[in-house]
Amino acid sequence: MLSKYYKYLPWLILGAFWSYQSAIRYAQTTFDVFYLTTVFMIFYIALLFLHEKYLKYLYKDFFTHLLSNSKKDSHP
């Protein structure tokens, strides 16, 4: 099961870096940096999970509908 998530490892590493950079901007103490980095990483992983389980198929249906030309696709 975990083998399909290895492709997201580089994005998680970049997400950790971006979370740390965002946390540094808003934090005042060391605990704040740790807490905000954790919160941002949880949010980032939740978005990744939401994309993998639900939005990927919704995007596929949406773009198929958007890019299909019903006038050309219908044959008399």
PDB file of N, CA and C in Angstrom:
ATOM      1  N   MET A   1       0.808  -1.189   0.000  1.00  0.00           N
ATOM      2  CA  MET A   1       0.000   0.000   0.000  1.00  0.00           C
ATOM      3  C   MET A   1       0.859   1.265   0.000  1.00  0.00           C
ATOM      4  N   LEU A   2       1.928   1.233   0.734  1.00  0.00           N
ATOM      5  CA  LEU A   2       2.784   2.417   0.797  1.00  0.00           C
ATOM      6  C   LEU A   2       3.582   2.634  -0.476  1.00  0.00           C
ATOM      7  N   SER A   3       3.711   1.598  -1.298  1.00  0.00           N
ATOM      8  CA  SER A   3       4.524   1.737  -2.501  1.00  0.00           C
ATOM      9  C   SER A   3       3.951   2.759  -3.476  1.00  0.00           C
ATOM     10  N   LYS A   4       2.630   2.942  -3.494  1.00  0.00           N
ATOM     11  CA  LYS A   4       2.071   3.931  -4.415  1.00  0.00           C
ATOM     12  C   LYS A   4       2.274   5.356  -3.918  1.00  0.00           C
ATOM     13  N   TYR A   5       2.646   5.539  -2.663  1.00  0.00           N
ATOM     14  CA  TYR A   5       2.865   6.875  -2.117  1.00  0.00           C
ATOM     15  C   TYR A   5       4.326   7.312  -2.182  1.00  0.00           C
ATOM     16  N   TYR A   6       5.223   6.445  -2.632  1.00  0.00           N
ATOM     17  CA  TYR A   6       6.624   6.843  -2.753  1.00  0.00           C
ATOM     18  C   TYR A   6       6.811   7.944  -3.787  1.00  0.00           C
ATOM     19  N   LYS A   7       5.924   8.020  -4.768  1.00  0.00           N
ATOM     20  CA  LYS A   7       6.050   9.066  -5.776  1.00  0.00           C
ATOM     21  C   LYS A   7       5.805  10.453  -5.185  1.00  0.00           C
ATOM     22  N   TYR A   8       5.171  10.522  -4.015  1.00  0.00           N
ATOM     23  CA  TYR A   8       4.898  11.802  -3.372  1.00  0.00           C
ATOM     24  C   TYR A   8       5.985  12.219  -2.393  1.00  0.00           C
ATOM     25  N   LEU A   9       6.986  11.385  -2.185  1.00  0.00           N
ATOM     26  CA  LEU A   9       8.041  11.691  -1.222  1.00  0.00           C
ATOM     27  C   LEU A   9       8.771  13.006  -1.530  1.00  0.00           C
ATOM     28  N   PRO A  10       9.165  13.276  -2.779  1.00  0.00           N
ATOM     29  CA  PRO A  10       9.798  14.585  -3.032  1.00  0.00           C
ATOM     30  C   PRO A  10       8.876  15.762  -2.722  1.00  0.00           C
ATOM     31  N   TRP A  11       7.579  15.602  -2.996  1.00  0.00           N
ATOM     32  CA  TRP A  11       6.637  16.683  -2.703  1.00  0.00           C
ATOM     33  C   TRP A  11       6.463  16.862  -1.199  1.00  0.00           C
ATOM     34  N   LEU A  12       6.532  15.773  -0.440  1.00  0.00           N
ATOM     35  CA  LEU A  12       6.440  15.891   1.017  1.00  0.00           C
ATOM     36  C   LEU A  12       7.675  16.574   1.599  1.00  0.00           C
ATOM     37  N   ILE A  13       8.832  16.298   1.006  1.00  0.00           N
ATOM     38  CA  ILE A  13      10.054  16.963   1.463  1.00  0.00           C
ATOM     39  C   ILE A  13       9.970  18.460   1.171  1.00  0.00           C
ATOM     40  N   LEU A  14       9.512  18.806  -0.041  1.00  0.00           N
ATOM     41  CA  LEU A  14       9.325  20.223  -0.357  1.00  0.00           C
ATOM     42  C   LEU A  14       8.242  20.841   0.520  1.00  0.00           C
ATOM     43  N   GLY A  15       7.197  20.081   0.811  1.00  0.00           N
ATOM     44  CA  GLY A  15       6.141  20.567   1.695  1.00  0.00           C
ATOM     45  C   GLY A  15       6.652  20.831   3.096  1.00  0.00           C
ATOM     46  N   ALA A  16       7.546  19.972   3.575  1.00  0.00           N
ATOM     47  CA  ALA A  16       8.140  20.191   4.896  1.00  0.00           C
ATOM     48  C   ALA A  16       8.985  21.464   4.894  1.00  0.00           C
ATOM     49  N   PHE A  17       9.731  21.667   3.829  1.00  0.00           N
ATOM     50  CA  PHE A  17      10.537  22.889   3.724  1.00  0.00           C
ATOM     51  C   PHE A  17       9.650  24.126   3.680  1.00  0.00           C
ATOM     52  N   TRP A  18       8.585  24.090   2.857  1.00  0.00           N
ATOM     53  CA  TRP A  18       7.674  25.232   2.764  1.00  0.00           C
ATOM     54  C   TRP A  18       6.944  25.459   4.082  1.00  0.00           C
ATOM     55  N   SER A  19       6.591  24.371   4.772  1.00  0.00           N
ATOM     56  CA  SER A  19       5.920  24.507   6.065  1.00  0.00           C
ATOM     57  C   SER A  19       6.842  25.168   7.080  1.00  0.00           C
ATOM     58  N   TYR A  20       8.107  24.761   7.069  1.00  0.00           N
ATOM     59  CA  TYR A  20       9.076  25.353   7.983  1.00  0.00           C
ATOM     60  C   TYR A  20       9.279  26.835   7.671  1.00  0.00           C
ATOM     61  N   GLN A  21       9.378  27.169   6.379  1.00  0.00           N
ATOM     62  CA  GLN A  21       9.549  28.569   5.993  1.00  0.00           C
ATOM     63  C   GLN A  21       8.335  29.409   6.395  1.00  0.00           C
ATOM     64  N   SER A  22       7.138  28.859   6.224  1.00  0.00           N
ATOM     65  CA  SER A  22       5.929  29.585   6.629  1.00  0.00           C
ATOM     66  C   SER A  22       5.860  29.734   8.141  1.00  0.00           C
ATOM     67  N   ALA A  23       6.269  28.696   8.858  1.00  0.00           N
ATOM     68  CA  ALA A  23       6.231  28.745  10.319  1.00  0.00           C
ATOM     69  C   ALA A  23       7.212  29.778  10.854  1.00  0.00           C
ATOM     70  N   ILE A  24       8.378  29.894  10.231  1.00  0.00           N
ATOM     71  CA  ILE A  24       9.364  30.883  10.672  1.00  0.00           C
ATOM     72  C   ILE A  24       8.801  32.296  10.538  1.00  0.00           C
ATOM     73  N   ARG A  25       8.015  32.516   9.490  1.00  0.00           N
ATOM     74  CA  ARG A  25       7.457  33.852   9.268  1.00  0.00           C
ATOM     75  C   ARG A  25       6.499  34.260  10.386  1.00  0.00           C
ATOM     76  N   TYR A  26       5.710  33.308  10.891  1.00  0.00           N
ATOM     77  CA  TYR A  26       4.673  33.640  11.871  1.00  0.00           C
ATOM     78  C   TYR A  26       5.062  33.352  13.325  1.00  0.00           C
ATOM     79  N   ALA A  27       6.105  32.588  13.545  1.00  0.00           N
ATOM     80  CA  ALA A  27       6.438  32.149  14.901  1.00  0.00           C
ATOM     81  C   ALA A  27       7.244  33.201  15.654  1.00  0.00           C
ATOM     82  N   GLN A  28       7.106  33.139  16.984  1.00  0.00           N
ATOM     83  CA  GLN A  28       7.877  34.037  17.837  1.00  0.00           C
ATOM     84  C   GLN A  28       8.841  33.267  18.730  1.00  0.00           C
ATOM     85  N   THR A  29       8.520  32.009  19.032  1.00  0.00           N
ATOM     86  CA  THR A  29       9.399  31.186  19.865  1.00  0.00           C
ATOM     87  C   THR A  29       9.700  29.887  19.131  1.00  0.00           C
ATOM     88  N   THR A  30      10.602  29.104  19.696  1.00  0.00           N
ATOM     89  CA  THR A  30      10.961  27.825  19.101  1.00  0.00           C
ATOM     90  C   THR A  30       9.787  26.858  19.108  1.00  0.00           C
ATOM     91  N   PHE A  31       9.003  26.877  20.181  1.00  0.00           N
ATOM     92  CA  PHE A  31       7.829  26.010  20.232  1.00  0.00           C
ATOM     93  C   PHE A  31       6.828  26.385  19.145  1.00  0.00           C
ATOM     94  N   ASP A  32       6.672  27.675  18.883  1.00  0.00           N
ATOM     95  CA  ASP A  32       5.772  28.116  17.817  1.00  0.00           C
ATOM     96  C   ASP A  32       6.222  27.586  16.455  1.00  0.00           C
ATOM     97  N   VAL A  33       7.530  27.594  16.216  1.00  0.00           N
ATOM     98  CA  VAL A  33       8.047  27.063  14.948  1.00  0.00           C
ATOM     99  C   VAL A  33       7.693  25.586  14.823  1.00  0.00           C
ATOM    100  N   PHE A  34       7.927  24.819  15.878  1.00  0.00           N
ATOM    101  CA  PHE A  34       7.606  23.392  15.850  1.00  0.00           C
ATOM    102  C   PHE A  34       6.109  23.171  15.660  1.00  0.00           C
ATOM    103  N   TYR A  35       5.298  23.893  16.412  1.00  0.00           N
ATOM    104  CA  TYR A  35       3.843  23.726  16.349  1.00  0.00           C
ATOM    105  C   TYR A  35       3.293  24.107  14.971  1.00  0.00           C
ATOM    106  N   LEU A  36       3.705  25.258  14.463  1.00  0.00           N
ATOM    107  CA  LEU A  36       3.197  25.700  13.164  1.00  0.00           C
ATOM    108  C   LEU A  36       3.691  24.819  12.022  1.00  0.00           C
ATOM    109  N   THR A  37       4.938  24.349  12.100  1.00  0.00           N
ATOM    110  CA  THR A  37       5.428  23.423  11.080  1.00  0.00           C
ATOM    111  C   THR A  37       4.597  22.155  11.080  1.00  0.00           C
ATOM    112  N   THR A  38       4.268  21.641  12.256  1.00  0.00           N
ATOM    113  CA  THR A  38       3.435  20.442  12.357  1.00  0.00           C
ATOM    114  C   THR A  38       2.044  20.687  11.797  1.00  0.00           C
ATOM    115  N   VAL A  39       1.454  21.813  12.126  1.00  0.00           N
ATOM    116  CA  VAL A  39       0.112  22.134  11.625  1.00  0.00           C
ATOM    117  C   VAL A  39       0.119  22.274  10.106  1.00  0.00           C
ATOM    118  N   PHE A  40       1.104  22.977   9.563  1.00  0.00           N
ATOM    119  CA  PHE A  40       1.173  23.146   8.111  1.00  0.00           C
ATOM    120  C   PHE A  40       1.411  21.810   7.409  1.00  0.00           C
ATOM    121  N   MET A  41       2.231  20.932   8.002  1.00  0.00           N
ATOM    122  CA  MET A  41       2.465  19.617   7.386  1.00  0.00           C
ATOM    123  C   MET A  41       1.206  18.762   7.421  1.00  0.00           C
ATOM    124  N   ILE A  42       0.456  18.799   8.516  1.00  0.00           N
ATOM    125  CA  ILE A  42      -0.799  18.045   8.592  1.00  0.00           C
ATOM    126  C   ILE A  42      -1.769  18.555   7.530  1.00  0.00           C
ATOM    127  N   PHE A  43      -1.849  19.863   7.369  1.00  0.00           N
ATOM    128  CA  PHE A  43      -2.725  20.440   6.352  1.00  0.00           C
ATOM    129  C   PHE A  43      -2.279  20.027   4.953  1.00  0.00           C
ATOM    130  N   TYR A  44      -0.971  20.048   4.698  1.00  0.00           N
ATOM    131  CA  TYR A  44      -0.446  19.684   3.390  1.00  0.00           C
ATOM    132  C   TYR A  44      -0.711  18.208   3.084  1.00  0.00           C
ATOM    133  N   ILE A  45      -0.511  17.330   4.057  1.00  0.00           N
ATOM    134  CA  ILE A  45      -0.771  15.901   3.860  1.00  0.00           C
ATOM    135  C   ILE A  45      -2.259  15.653   3.665  1.00  0.00           C
ATOM    136  N   ALA A  46      -3.105  16.405   4.375  1.00  0.00           N
ATOM    137  CA  ALA A  46      -4.554  16.267   4.185  1.00  0.00           C
ATOM    138  C   ALA A  46      -4.957  16.672   2.772  1.00  0.00           C
ATOM    139  N   LEU A  47      -4.376  17.743   2.250  1.00  0.00           N
ATOM    140  CA  LEU A  47      -4.665  18.133   0.868  1.00  0.00           C
ATOM    141  C   LEU A  47      -4.191  17.080  -0.123  1.00  0.00           C
ATOM    142  N   LEU A  48      -3.033  16.503   0.127  1.00  0.00           N
ATOM    143  CA  LEU A  48      -2.510  15.451  -0.742  1.00  0.00           C
ATOM    144  C   LEU A  48      -3.409  14.224  -0.711  1.00  0.00           C
ATOM    145  N   PHE A  49      -3.877  13.848   0.466  1.00  0.00           N
ATOM    146  CA  PHE A  49      -4.783  12.709   0.609  1.00  0.00           C
ATOM    147  C   PHE A  49      -6.121  12.991  -0.072  1.00  0.00           C
ATOM    148  N   LEU A  50      -6.637  14.207   0.090  1.00  0.00           N
ATOM    149  CA  LEU A  50      -7.891  14.589  -0.556  1.00  0.00           C
ATOM    150  C   LEU A  50      -7.758  14.527  -2.074  1.00  0.00           C
ATOM    151  N   HIS A  51      -6.632  14.990  -2.583  1.00  0.00           N
ATOM    152  CA  HIS A  51      -6.402  14.928  -4.024  1.00  0.00           C
ATOM    153  C   HIS A  51      -6.334  13.482  -4.507  1.00  0.00           C
ATOM    154  N   GLU A  52      -5.617  12.645  -3.767  1.00  0.00           N
ATOM    155  CA  GLU A  52      -5.424  11.254  -4.193  1.00  0.00           C
ATOM    156  C   GLU A  52      -6.728  10.466  -4.166  1.00  0.00           C
ATOM    157  N   LYS A  53      -7.569  10.702  -3.181  1.00  0.00           N
ATOM    158  CA  LYS A  53      -8.780   9.897  -3.017  1.00  0.00           C
ATOM    159  C   LYS A  53      -9.990  10.438  -3.760  1.00  0.00           C
ATOM    160  N   TYR A  54     -10.108  11.745  -3.916  1.00  0.00           N
ATOM    161  CA  TYR A  54     -11.355  12.301  -4.438  1.00  0.00           C
ATOM    162  C   TYR A  54     -11.167  13.249  -5.617  1.00  0.00           C
ATOM    163  N   LEU A  55     -10.327  14.252  -5.450  1.00  0.00           N
ATOM    164  CA  LEU A  55     -10.258  15.313  -6.446  1.00  0.00           C
ATOM    165  C   LEU A  55      -9.670  14.867  -7.772  1.00  0.00           C
ATOM    166  N   LYS A  56      -8.804  13.864  -7.771  1.00  0.00           N
ATOM    167  CA  LYS A  56      -8.205  13.396  -9.006  1.00  0.00           C
ATOM    168  C   LYS A  56      -9.278  12.931  -9.986  1.00  0.00           C
ATOM    169  N   TYR A  57     -10.273  12.217  -9.494  1.00  0.00           N
ATOM    170  CA  TYR A  57     -11.349  11.723 -10.351  1.00  0.00           C
ATOM    171  C   TYR A  57     -12.313  12.838 -10.719  1.00  0.00           C
ATOM    172  N   LEU A  58     -12.521  13.768  -9.813  1.00  0.00           N
ATOM    173  CA  LEU A  58     -13.388  14.905 -10.106  1.00  0.00           C
ATOM    174  C   LEU A  58     -12.763  15.779 -11.185  1.00  0.00           C
ATOM    175  N   TYR A  59     -11.447  16.008 -11.109  1.00  0.00           N
ATOM    176  CA  TYR A  59     -10.755  16.773 -12.140  1.00  0.00           C
ATOM    177  C   TYR A  59     -10.858  16.077 -13.486  1.00  0.00           C
ATOM    178  N   LYS A  60     -10.681  14.767 -13.479  1.00  0.00           N
ATOM    179  CA  LYS A  60     -10.734  14.004 -14.726  1.00  0.00           C
ATOM    180  C   LYS A  60     -12.104  14.154 -15.379  1.00  0.00           C
ATOM    181  N   ASP A  61     -13.169  13.997 -14.616  1.00  0.00           N
ATOM    182  CA  ASP A  61     -14.520  14.151 -15.160  1.00  0.00           C
ATOM    183  C   ASP A  61     -14.775  15.581 -15.618  1.00  0.00           C
ATOM    184  N   PHE A  62     -14.304  16.542 -14.840  1.00  0.00           N
ATOM    185  CA  PHE A  62     -14.531  17.946 -15.184  1.00  0.00           C
ATOM    186  C   PHE A  62     -13.831  18.316 -16.490  1.00  0.00           C
ATOM    187  N   PHE A  63     -12.548  17.949 -16.623  1.00  0.00           N
ATOM    188  CA  PHE A  63     -11.819  18.315 -17.829  1.00  0.00           C
ATOM    189  C   PHE A  63     -12.280  17.517 -19.040  1.00  0.00           C
ATOM    190  N   THR A  64     -12.727  16.293 -18.837  1.00  0.00           N
ATOM    191  CA  THR A  64     -13.300  15.533 -19.945  1.00  0.00           C
ATOM    192  C   THR A  64     -14.561  16.218 -20.447  1.00  0.00           C
ATOM    193  N   HIS A  65     -15.389  16.663 -19.533  1.00  0.00           N
ATOM    194  CA  HIS A  65     -16.607  17.378 -19.918  1.00  0.00           C
ATOM    195  C   HIS A  65     -16.276  18.733 -20.548  1.00  0.00           C
ATOM    196  N   LEU A  66     -15.296  19.433 -19.995  1.00  0.00           N
ATOM    197  CA  LEU A  66     -14.944  20.758 -20.475  1.00  0.00           C
ATOM    198  C   LEU A  66     -14.323  20.705 -21.866  1.00  0.00           C
ATOM    199  N   LEU A  67     -13.459  19.732 -22.092  1.00  0.00           N
ATOM    200  CA  LEU A  67     -12.723  19.673 -23.352  1.00  0.00           C
ATOM    201  C   LEU A  67     -13.433  18.888 -24.442  1.00  0.00           C
ATOM    202  N   SER A  68     -14.499  18.213 -24.109  1.00  0.00           N
ATOM    203  CA  SER A  68     -15.216  17.474 -25.147  1.00  0.00           C
ATOM    204  C   SER A  68     -16.103  18.436 -25.928  1.00  0.00           C
ATOM    205  N   ASN A  69     -16.180  18.183 -27.201  1.00  0.00           N
ATOM    206  CA  ASN A  69     -17.009  19.004 -28.071  1.00  0.00           C
ATOM    207  C   ASN A  69     -18.203  18.155 -28.475  1.00  0.00           C
ATOM    208  N   SER A  70     -19.330  18.410 -27.859  1.00  0.00           N
ATOM    209  CA  SER A  70     -20.490  17.551 -28.083  1.00  0.00           C
ATOM    210  C   SER A  70     -21.029  17.675 -29.505  1.00  0.00           C
ATOM    211  N   LYS A  71     -20.835  18.821 -30.143  1.00  0.00           N
ATOM    212  CA  LYS A  71     -21.313  18.979 -31.519  1.00  0.00           C
ATOM    213  C   LYS A  71     -20.508  18.114 -32.485  1.00  0.00           C
ATOM    214  N   LYS A  72     -19.193  18.037 -32.264  1.00  0.00           N
ATOM    215  CA  LYS A  72     -18.361  17.211 -33.139  1.00  0.00           C
ATOM    216  C   LYS A  72     -18.439  15.737 -32.764  1.00  0.00           C
ATOM    217  N   ASP A  73     -18.675  15.460 -31.496  1.00  0.00           N
ATOM    218  CA  ASP A  73     -18.704  14.072 -31.051  1.00  0.00           C
ATOM    219  C   ASP A  73     -19.974  13.353 -31.468  1.00  0.00           C
ATOM    220  N   SER A  74     -21.060  14.068 -31.628  1.00  0.00           N
ATOM    221  CA  SER A  74     -22.311  13.403 -32.008  1.00  0.00           C
ATOM    222  C   SER A  74     -22.317  13.169 -33.515  1.00  0.00           C
ATOM    223  N   HIS A  75     -22.560  11.939 -33.884  1.00  0.00           N
ATOM    224  CA  HIS A  75     -22.587  11.566 -35.296  1.00  0.00           C
ATOM    225  C   HIS A  75     -24.028  11.361 -35.720  1.00  0.00           C
ATOM    226  N   PRO A  76     -24.412  11.891 -36.888  1.00  0.00           N
ATOM    227  CA  PRO A  76     -25.812  11.737 -37.321  1.00  0.00           C
ATOM    228  C   PRO A  76     -26.164  10.337 -37.762  1.00  0.00           C
TER     229      PRO A  76
END
